[in-house]
Structures are given as C-alpha cells and as structure tokens.
Amino acid sequence: MNKALQTMTALALMVLVLISGCTQQQSVQSTAPTNTDNSFVPSGPGPNTQTPVNSGANTPDYQPNPPSEAPPAVETPPATEPATPTETIPPEPSTPPVPPAAIQPTVKEFTVIADEQHFDPATITVSKGDTVRITFSFNDEDIYHGGLDIKSPYFTVSYRKDGSTKTVEFVAEKSFTYTGYWPATGVRKASGQVEVSN
C-alpha cells in the first residue's frame, strides 16, 4: 500500500514538473523579441552565441544599391547622300554688239535716151559721193546698123540694136563726159555730160 502511494506521488510530481517546464518555456517564448528578418536570435548566453545576421531589409542604415542607369543613347546622324558634283558651265563667249546697219547712200537714178546725134538729157547733175545709176535707152532709128558704143572714164556700154537697155552705176567723184562711137570704125558721135558739185 505504501509503495503504491509512493509511486503515484512520484508520477504526480513528474507531471507537475513537466507542466511547469512547458509553462516557463511558453512564457519565455512570449516575452522573446520577434525575429522578423529571419536572423538568428540566441536563446541565451553561452559559448555558442552567434552574431545575428543582418539582411539589411529592416535596418535603417541599409541603402540598397541604386539601379544601374542605362548609358545615354547615342544619336546616330542621318545618313547623308554624297554630294553631287556641280557641273561648271563655261561662260559663253560674248557676242560683239551688232553695229547698226550702215546707212545706205541714196542712189540717184536717171534714164537717158541715146542715139548717134544726141543724149537726152545731155547733162546730169549730182553731188560728190552720190551713187549714180544711169539706164540708157536707145533710139534705133538714128543708130548706125553696127550699133553704138558709149565710153567714159567710169563705164563703157556696147549696144548692138537688139532693143535692150543698158544700165551703169558708179560713185560720183568729179565731172566727166561720155561719148558715143561707131563700133566698127570708132567714128565719134554725140556726147553727154555728168556734172558733180561739191
């Protein structure tokens, strides 16, 4: 009987010790600081105490590395087309100015009727430097059958009774006489005059 009682008392004490130990452990855990950064927290002093590992997440002095900035983009200049060589056009040779048309001298025209006996008109008057044009018309009734030659320092006319006219042109420089001749014998016939005034 006494032995059984002792056994029961010992068991009761062991239960109380176990309960007391669990209660103390829960109290210690409830009063211990909460480790929010998953670092090691020592359970008490001793030779196996480890230094807390600071992850830096909740430490005020922790400064995360700034994100690396991308290097500034280098602007590529637009592609330029090769310059087209400029064709050099040589200047055109200057054309000398065209002088105004030379003033044509006035042509003084005359018609003279000629035969062996006379020239009509007998005298022609012009100015020095004039261009003179004389058309000889022949009167065949008073001309030898061989025809008529008219000679002067400025012109010579040969007429052979063919009904044609003869025209001469010259620049008047000085007065002169023109004379008719028979072609075959050179017999002298009528004369005419060109008078040139200054």
C-alpha atoms as a PDB file:
ATOM      1  CA  MET A   1       0.000   0.000   0.000  1.00  0.00           C
ATOM      2  CA  ASN A   2       2.679   2.485   0.936  1.00  0.00           C
ATOM      3  CA  LYS A   3       4.718   1.507  -2.107  1.00  0.00           C
ATOM      4  CA  ALA A   4       1.858   2.167  -4.433  1.00  0.00           C
ATOM      5  CA  LEU A   5       1.200   5.517  -2.853  1.00  0.00           C
ATOM      6  CA  GLN A   6       4.806   6.491  -3.266  1.00  0.00           C
ATOM      7  CA  THR A   7       4.684   5.545  -6.900  1.00  0.00           C
ATOM      8  CA  MET A   8       1.624   7.642  -7.524  1.00  0.00           C
ATOM      9  CA  THR A   9       3.141  10.596  -5.704  1.00  0.00           C
ATOM     10  CA  ALA A  10       6.273  10.367  -7.849  1.00  0.00           C
ATOM     11  CA  LEU A  11       4.210  10.345 -11.008  1.00  0.00           C
ATOM     12  CA  ALA A  12       2.225  13.327  -9.864  1.00  0.00           C
ATOM     13  CA  LEU A  13       5.428  15.258  -9.197  1.00  0.00           C
ATOM     14  CA  MET A  14       6.803  14.388 -12.594  1.00  0.00           C
ATOM     15  CA  VAL A  15       3.587  15.623 -14.232  1.00  0.00           C
ATOM     16  CA  LEU A  16       3.801  18.863 -12.276  1.00  0.00           C
ATOM     17  CA  VAL A  17       7.431  19.308 -13.309  1.00  0.00           C
ATOM     18  CA  LEU A  18       6.569  18.746 -16.916  1.00  0.00           C
ATOM     19  CA  ILE A  19       3.660  21.157 -16.770  1.00  0.00           C
ATOM     20  CA  SER A  20       5.795  23.748 -15.017  1.00  0.00           C
ATOM     21  CA  GLY A  21       8.537  23.367 -17.625  1.00  0.00           C
ATOM     22  CA  CYS A  22       6.084  23.821 -20.503  1.00  0.00           C
ATOM     23  CA  THR A  23       4.593  26.865 -18.823  1.00  0.00           C
ATOM     24  CA  GLN A  24       8.023  28.512 -18.372  1.00  0.00           C
ATOM     25  CA  GLN A  25       9.005  27.747 -21.977  1.00  0.00           C
ATOM     26  CA  GLN A  26       5.793  29.351 -23.288  1.00  0.00           C
ATOM     27  CA  SER A  27       6.418  32.382 -21.090  1.00  0.00           C
ATOM     28  CA  VAL A  28       9.958  32.777 -22.400  1.00  0.00           C
ATOM     29  CA  GLN A  29       8.793  32.465 -25.992  1.00  0.00           C
ATOM     30  CA  SER A  30       6.060  35.042 -25.478  1.00  0.00           C
ATOM     31  CA  THR A  31       8.477  37.580 -23.960  1.00  0.00           C
ATOM     32  CA  ALA A  32      11.268  36.998 -26.512  1.00  0.00           C
ATOM     33  CA  PRO A  33      11.535  39.617 -29.326  1.00  0.00           C
ATOM     34  CA  THR A  34      10.043  38.562 -32.594  1.00  0.00           C
ATOM     35  CA  ASN A  35      12.612  37.976 -35.330  1.00  0.00           C
ATOM     36  CA  THR A  36      11.021  39.434 -38.410  1.00  0.00           C
ATOM     37  CA  ASP A  37      14.087  39.372 -40.628  1.00  0.00           C
ATOM     38  CA  ASN A  38      14.743  35.633 -40.251  1.00  0.00           C
ATOM     39  CA  SER A  39      18.064  36.314 -38.489  1.00  0.00           C
ATOM     40  CA  PHE A  40      19.379  34.054 -35.821  1.00  0.00           C
ATOM     41  CA  VAL A  41      18.367  35.038 -32.298  1.00  0.00           C
ATOM     42  CA  PRO A  42      20.379  33.440 -29.479  1.00  0.00           C
ATOM     43  CA  SER A  43      18.413  31.682 -26.857  1.00  0.00           C
ATOM     44  CA  GLY A  44      20.772  32.758 -24.116  1.00  0.00           C
ATOM     45  CA  PRO A  45      24.351  33.464 -23.222  1.00  0.00           C
ATOM     46  CA  GLY A  46      26.882  30.848 -23.853  1.00  0.00           C
ATOM     47  CA  PRO A  47      29.841  29.878 -25.900  1.00  0.00           C
ATOM     48  CA  ASN A  48      27.691  29.032 -28.892  1.00  0.00           C
ATOM     49  CA  THR A  49      26.203  32.517 -29.172  1.00  0.00           C
ATOM     50  CA  GLN A  50      26.076  33.511 -32.867  1.00  0.00           C
ATOM     51  CA  THR A  51      26.187  37.015 -34.262  1.00  0.00           C
ATOM     52  CA  PRO A  52      22.819  37.988 -35.718  1.00  0.00           C
ATOM     53  CA  VAL A  53      22.800  38.043 -39.462  1.00  0.00           C
ATOM     54  CA  ASN A  54      21.636  41.399 -40.688  1.00  0.00           C
ATOM     55  CA  SER A  55      19.881  41.017 -44.003  1.00  0.00           C
ATOM     56  CA  GLY A  56      19.585  44.770 -44.263  1.00  0.00           C
ATOM     57  CA  ALA A  57      15.904  44.754 -45.123  1.00  0.00           C
ATOM     58  CA  ASN A  58      14.745  46.498 -41.926  1.00  0.00           C
ATOM     59  CA  THR A  59      17.989  48.153 -40.881  1.00  0.00           C
ATOM     60  CA  PRO A  60      17.782  51.953 -41.015  1.00  0.00           C
ATOM     61  CA  ASP A  61      21.350  52.266 -42.323  1.00  0.00           C
ATOM     62  CA  TYR A  62      20.731  49.870 -45.171  1.00  0.00           C
ATOM     63  CA  GLN A  63      20.915  51.523 -48.537  1.00  0.00           C
ATOM     64  CA  PRO A  64      20.038  49.378 -51.482  1.00  0.00           C
ATOM     65  CA  ASN A  65      22.280  49.647 -54.486  1.00  0.00           C
ATOM     66  CA  PRO A  66      20.782  52.194 -56.875  1.00  0.00           C
ATOM     67  CA  PRO A  67      19.571  50.658 -60.099  1.00  0.00           C
ATOM     68  CA  SER A  68      22.198  50.946 -62.767  1.00  0.00           C
ATOM     69  CA  GLU A  69      21.288  53.632 -65.227  1.00  0.00           C
ATOM     70  CA  ALA A  70      21.404  52.775 -68.891  1.00  0.00           C
ATOM     71  CA  PRO A  71      24.039  54.772 -70.796  1.00  0.00           C
ATOM     72  CA  PRO A  72      22.580  57.664 -72.738  1.00  0.00           C
ATOM     73  CA  ALA A  73      21.578  56.736 -76.231  1.00  0.00           C
ATOM     74  CA  VAL A  74      23.951  57.987 -78.855  1.00  0.00           C
ATOM     75  CA  GLU A  75      22.099  59.733 -81.620  1.00  0.00           C
ATOM     76  CA  THR A  76      23.143  58.443 -84.982  1.00  0.00           C
ATOM     77  CA  PRO A  77      23.358  61.282 -87.515  1.00  0.00           C
ATOM     78  CA  PRO A  78      21.103  60.766 -90.512  1.00  0.00           C
ATOM     79  CA  ALA A  79      22.781  59.272 -93.478  1.00  0.00           C
ATOM     80  CA  THR A  80      23.709  61.907 -95.974  1.00  0.00           C
ATOM     81  CA  GLU A  81      23.818  61.283 -99.663  1.00  0.00           C
ATOM     82  CA  PRO A  82      27.132  62.026-101.342  1.00  0.00           C
ATOM     83  CA  ALA A  83      27.179  65.484-102.777  1.00  0.00           C
ATOM     84  CA  THR A  84      26.574  65.530-106.478  1.00  0.00           C
ATOM     85  CA  PRO A  85      29.430  67.333-108.207  1.00  0.00           C
ATOM     86  CA  THR A  86      28.245  70.568-109.701  1.00  0.00           C
ATOM     87  CA  GLU A  87      28.854  70.812-113.404  1.00  0.00           C
ATOM     88  CA  THR A  88      30.644  74.000-114.217  1.00  0.00           C
ATOM     89  CA  ILE A  89      29.315  75.532-117.388  1.00  0.00           C
ATOM     90  CA  PRO A  90      31.879  77.739-119.067  1.00  0.00           C
ATOM     91  CA  PRO A  91      30.577  81.172-119.855  1.00  0.00           C
ATOM     92  CA  GLU A  92      29.501  81.670-123.385  1.00  0.00           C
ATOM     93  CA  PRO A  93      31.783  83.879-125.401  1.00  0.00           C
ATOM     94  CA  SER A  94      30.455  87.347-125.501  1.00  0.00           C
ATOM     95  CA  THR A  95      28.990  88.281-128.825  1.00  0.00           C
ATOM     96  CA  PRO A  96      30.136  91.641-130.008  1.00  0.00           C
ATOM     97  CA  PRO A  97      27.282  94.048-130.434  1.00  0.00           C
ATOM     98  CA  VAL A  98      25.942  94.181-133.911  1.00  0.00           C
ATOM     99  CA  PRO A  99      26.621  97.608-135.306  1.00  0.00           C
ATOM    100  CA  PRO A 100      23.638  99.366-136.736  1.00  0.00           C
ATOM    101  CA  ALA A 101      23.166  98.845-140.393  1.00  0.00           C
ATOM    102  CA  ALA A 102      25.281 101.148-142.407  1.00  0.00           C
ATOM    103  CA  ILE A 103      23.323 103.924-143.893  1.00  0.00           C
ATOM    104  CA  GLN A 104      22.866 103.072-147.490  1.00  0.00           C
ATOM    105  CA  PRO A 105      23.704 106.007-149.707  1.00  0.00           C
ATOM    106  CA  THR A 106      20.890 107.379-151.740  1.00  0.00           C
ATOM    107  CA  VAL A 107      21.003 106.132-155.308  1.00  0.00           C
ATOM    108  CA  LYS A 108      20.215 108.780-157.850  1.00  0.00           C
ATOM    109  CA  GLU A 109      18.683 107.170-160.935  1.00  0.00           C
ATOM    110  CA  PHE A 110      18.463 108.621-164.407  1.00  0.00           C
ATOM    111  CA  THR A 111      17.183 107.400-167.774  1.00  0.00           C
ATOM    112  CA  VAL A 112      18.972 108.718-170.864  1.00  0.00           C
ATOM    113  CA  ILE A 113      17.749 108.214-174.456  1.00  0.00           C
ATOM    114  CA  ALA A 114      20.783 107.718-176.731  1.00  0.00           C
ATOM    115  CA  ASP A 115      21.407 107.697-180.495  1.00  0.00           C
ATOM    116  CA  GLU A 116      24.158 108.877-182.814  1.00  0.00           C
ATOM    117  CA  GLN A 117      23.043 112.536-182.735  1.00  0.00           C
ATOM    118  CA  HIS A 118      22.382 113.287-179.062  1.00  0.00           C
ATOM    119  CA  PHE A 119      21.767 112.129-175.457  1.00  0.00           C
ATOM    120  CA  ASP A 120      18.596 113.215-173.727  1.00  0.00           C
ATOM    121  CA  PRO A 121      19.089 114.684-171.201  1.00  0.00           C
ATOM    122  CA  ALA A 122      22.501 115.897-172.322  1.00  0.00           C
ATOM    123  CA  THR A 123      23.645 116.819-168.784  1.00  0.00           C
ATOM    124  CA  ILE A 124      23.154 115.088-165.437  1.00  0.00           C
ATOM    125  CA  THR A 125      23.945 116.969-162.220  1.00  0.00           C
ATOM    126  CA  VAL A 126      24.787 115.111-158.980  1.00  0.00           C
ATOM    127  CA  SER A 127      26.685 115.743-155.724  1.00  0.00           C
ATOM    128  CA  LYS A 128      30.118 114.411-154.922  1.00  0.00           C
ATOM    129  CA  GLY A 129      29.857 110.964-153.291  1.00  0.00           C
ATOM    130  CA  ASP A 130      26.429 110.219-154.765  1.00  0.00           C
ATOM    131  CA  THR A 131      25.763 106.790-156.164  1.00  0.00           C
ATOM    132  CA  VAL A 132      24.565 107.349-159.711  1.00  0.00           C
ATOM    133  CA  ARG A 133      22.628 104.828-161.778  1.00  0.00           C
ATOM    134  CA  ILE A 134      22.029 105.618-165.471  1.00  0.00           C
ATOM    135  CA  THR A 135      19.833 103.478-167.732  1.00  0.00           C
ATOM    136  CA  PHE A 136      20.468 104.040-171.431  1.00  0.00           C
ATOM    137  CA  SER A 137      17.534 103.508-173.754  1.00  0.00           C
ATOM    138  CA  PHE A 138      18.429 103.519-177.449  1.00  0.00           C
ATOM    139  CA  ASN A 139      16.633 105.077-180.427  1.00  0.00           C
ATOM    140  CA  ASP A 140      17.338 102.507-183.142  1.00  0.00           C
ATOM    141  CA  GLU A 141      16.093 104.761-185.970  1.00  0.00           C
ATOM    142  CA  ASP A 142      19.081 107.094-185.544  1.00  0.00           C
ATOM    143  CA  ILE A 143      21.754 104.472-184.833  1.00  0.00           C
ATOM    144  CA  TYR A 144      24.145 103.009-187.417  1.00  0.00           C
ATOM    145  CA  HIS A 145      23.384  99.385-188.321  1.00  0.00           C
ATOM    146  CA  GLY A 146      26.516  98.228-186.477  1.00  0.00           C
ATOM    147  CA  GLY A 147      25.257  99.626-183.170  1.00  0.00           C
ATOM    148  CA  LEU A 148      26.651 102.220-180.762  1.00  0.00           C
ATOM    149  CA  ASP A 149      29.377 102.162-178.087  1.00  0.00           C
ATOM    150  CA  ILE A 150      29.374 104.660-175.196  1.00  0.00           C
ATOM    151  CA  LYS A 151      32.678 105.247-173.431  1.00  0.00           C
ATOM    152  CA  SER A 152      33.735 107.314-170.357  1.00  0.00           C
ATOM    153  CA  PRO A 153      36.326 107.201-167.527  1.00  0.00           C
ATOM    154  CA  TYR A 154      33.727 105.383-165.327  1.00  0.00           C
ATOM    155  CA  PHE A 155      31.905 102.987-167.682  1.00  0.00           C
ATOM    156  CA  THR A 156      31.680 101.509-171.209  1.00  0.00           C
ATOM    157  CA  VAL A 157      28.467 100.399-172.948  1.00  0.00           C
ATOM    158  CA  SER A 158      28.172  98.301-176.127  1.00  0.00           C
ATOM    159  CA  TYR A 159      24.790  98.287-177.865  1.00  0.00           C
ATOM    160  CA  ARG A 160      24.005  96.187-180.998  1.00  0.00           C
ATOM    161  CA  LYS A 161      20.491  97.277-181.997  1.00  0.00           C
ATOM    162  CA  ASP A 162      18.734  94.435-180.156  1.00  0.00           C
ATOM    163  CA  GLY A 163      16.128  96.615-178.404  1.00  0.00           C
ATOM    164  CA  SER A 164      17.737  96.161-174.981  1.00  0.00           C
ATOM    165  CA  THR A 165      18.629  98.765-172.374  1.00  0.00           C
ATOM    166  CA  LYS A 166      21.988  99.166-170.664  1.00  0.00           C
ATOM    167  CA  THR A 167      22.421 100.242-167.029  1.00  0.00           C
ATOM    168  CA  VAL A 168      25.590 101.543-165.420  1.00  0.00           C
ATOM    169  CA  GLU A 169      26.272 102.550-161.792  1.00  0.00           C
ATOM    170  CA  PHE A 170      29.127 104.496-160.210  1.00  0.00           C
ATOM    171  CA  VAL A 171      30.015 106.843-157.352  1.00  0.00           C
ATOM    172  CA  ALA A 172      30.361 110.411-158.493  1.00  0.00           C
ATOM    173  CA  GLU A 173      33.789 111.878-157.691  1.00  0.00           C
ATOM    174  CA  LYS A 174      34.282 114.513-160.397  1.00  0.00           C
ATOM    175  CA  SER A 175      32.627 115.757-163.548  1.00  0.00           C
ATOM    176  CA  PHE A 176      33.231 113.862-166.794  1.00  0.00           C
ATOM    177  CA  THR A 177      31.983 113.417-170.378  1.00  0.00           C
ATOM    178  CA  TYR A 178      30.744 110.204-172.003  1.00  0.00           C
ATOM    179  CA  THR A 179      30.760 109.837-175.832  1.00  0.00           C
ATOM    180  CA  GLY A 180      29.149 107.577-178.459  1.00  0.00           C
ATOM    181  CA  TYR A 181      31.174 105.750-181.136  1.00  0.00           C
ATOM    182  CA  TRP A 182      30.556 103.513-184.103  1.00  0.00           C
ATOM    183  CA  PRO A 183      31.784 100.116-183.069  1.00  0.00           C
ATOM    184  CA  ALA A 184      33.432  99.104-186.360  1.00  0.00           C
ATOM    185  CA  THR A 185      35.272 102.330-187.289  1.00  0.00           C
ATOM    186  CA  GLY A 186      35.443 104.226-183.983  1.00  0.00           C
ATOM    187  CA  VAL A 187      33.818 107.295-185.549  1.00  0.00           C
ATOM    188  CA  ARG A 188      32.917 109.732-182.815  1.00  0.00           C
ATOM    189  CA  LYS A 189      29.259 110.645-182.335  1.00  0.00           C
ATOM    190  CA  ALA A 190      27.207 112.605-179.727  1.00  0.00           C
ATOM    191  CA  SER A 191      28.407 113.277-176.175  1.00  0.00           C
ATOM    192  CA  GLY A 192      26.740 113.648-172.756  1.00  0.00           C
ATOM    193  CA  GLN A 193      27.896 115.279-169.509  1.00  0.00           C
ATOM    194  CA  VAL A 194      27.860 114.344-165.796  1.00  0.00           C
ATOM    195  CA  GLU A 195      28.452 117.359-163.597  1.00  0.00           C
ATOM    196  CA  VAL A 196      29.493 116.716-159.982  1.00  0.00           C
ATOM    197  CA  SER A 197      29.056 119.540-157.494  1.00  0.00           C
ATOM    198  CA  ASN A 198      30.794 119.776-154.143  1.00  0.00           C
END
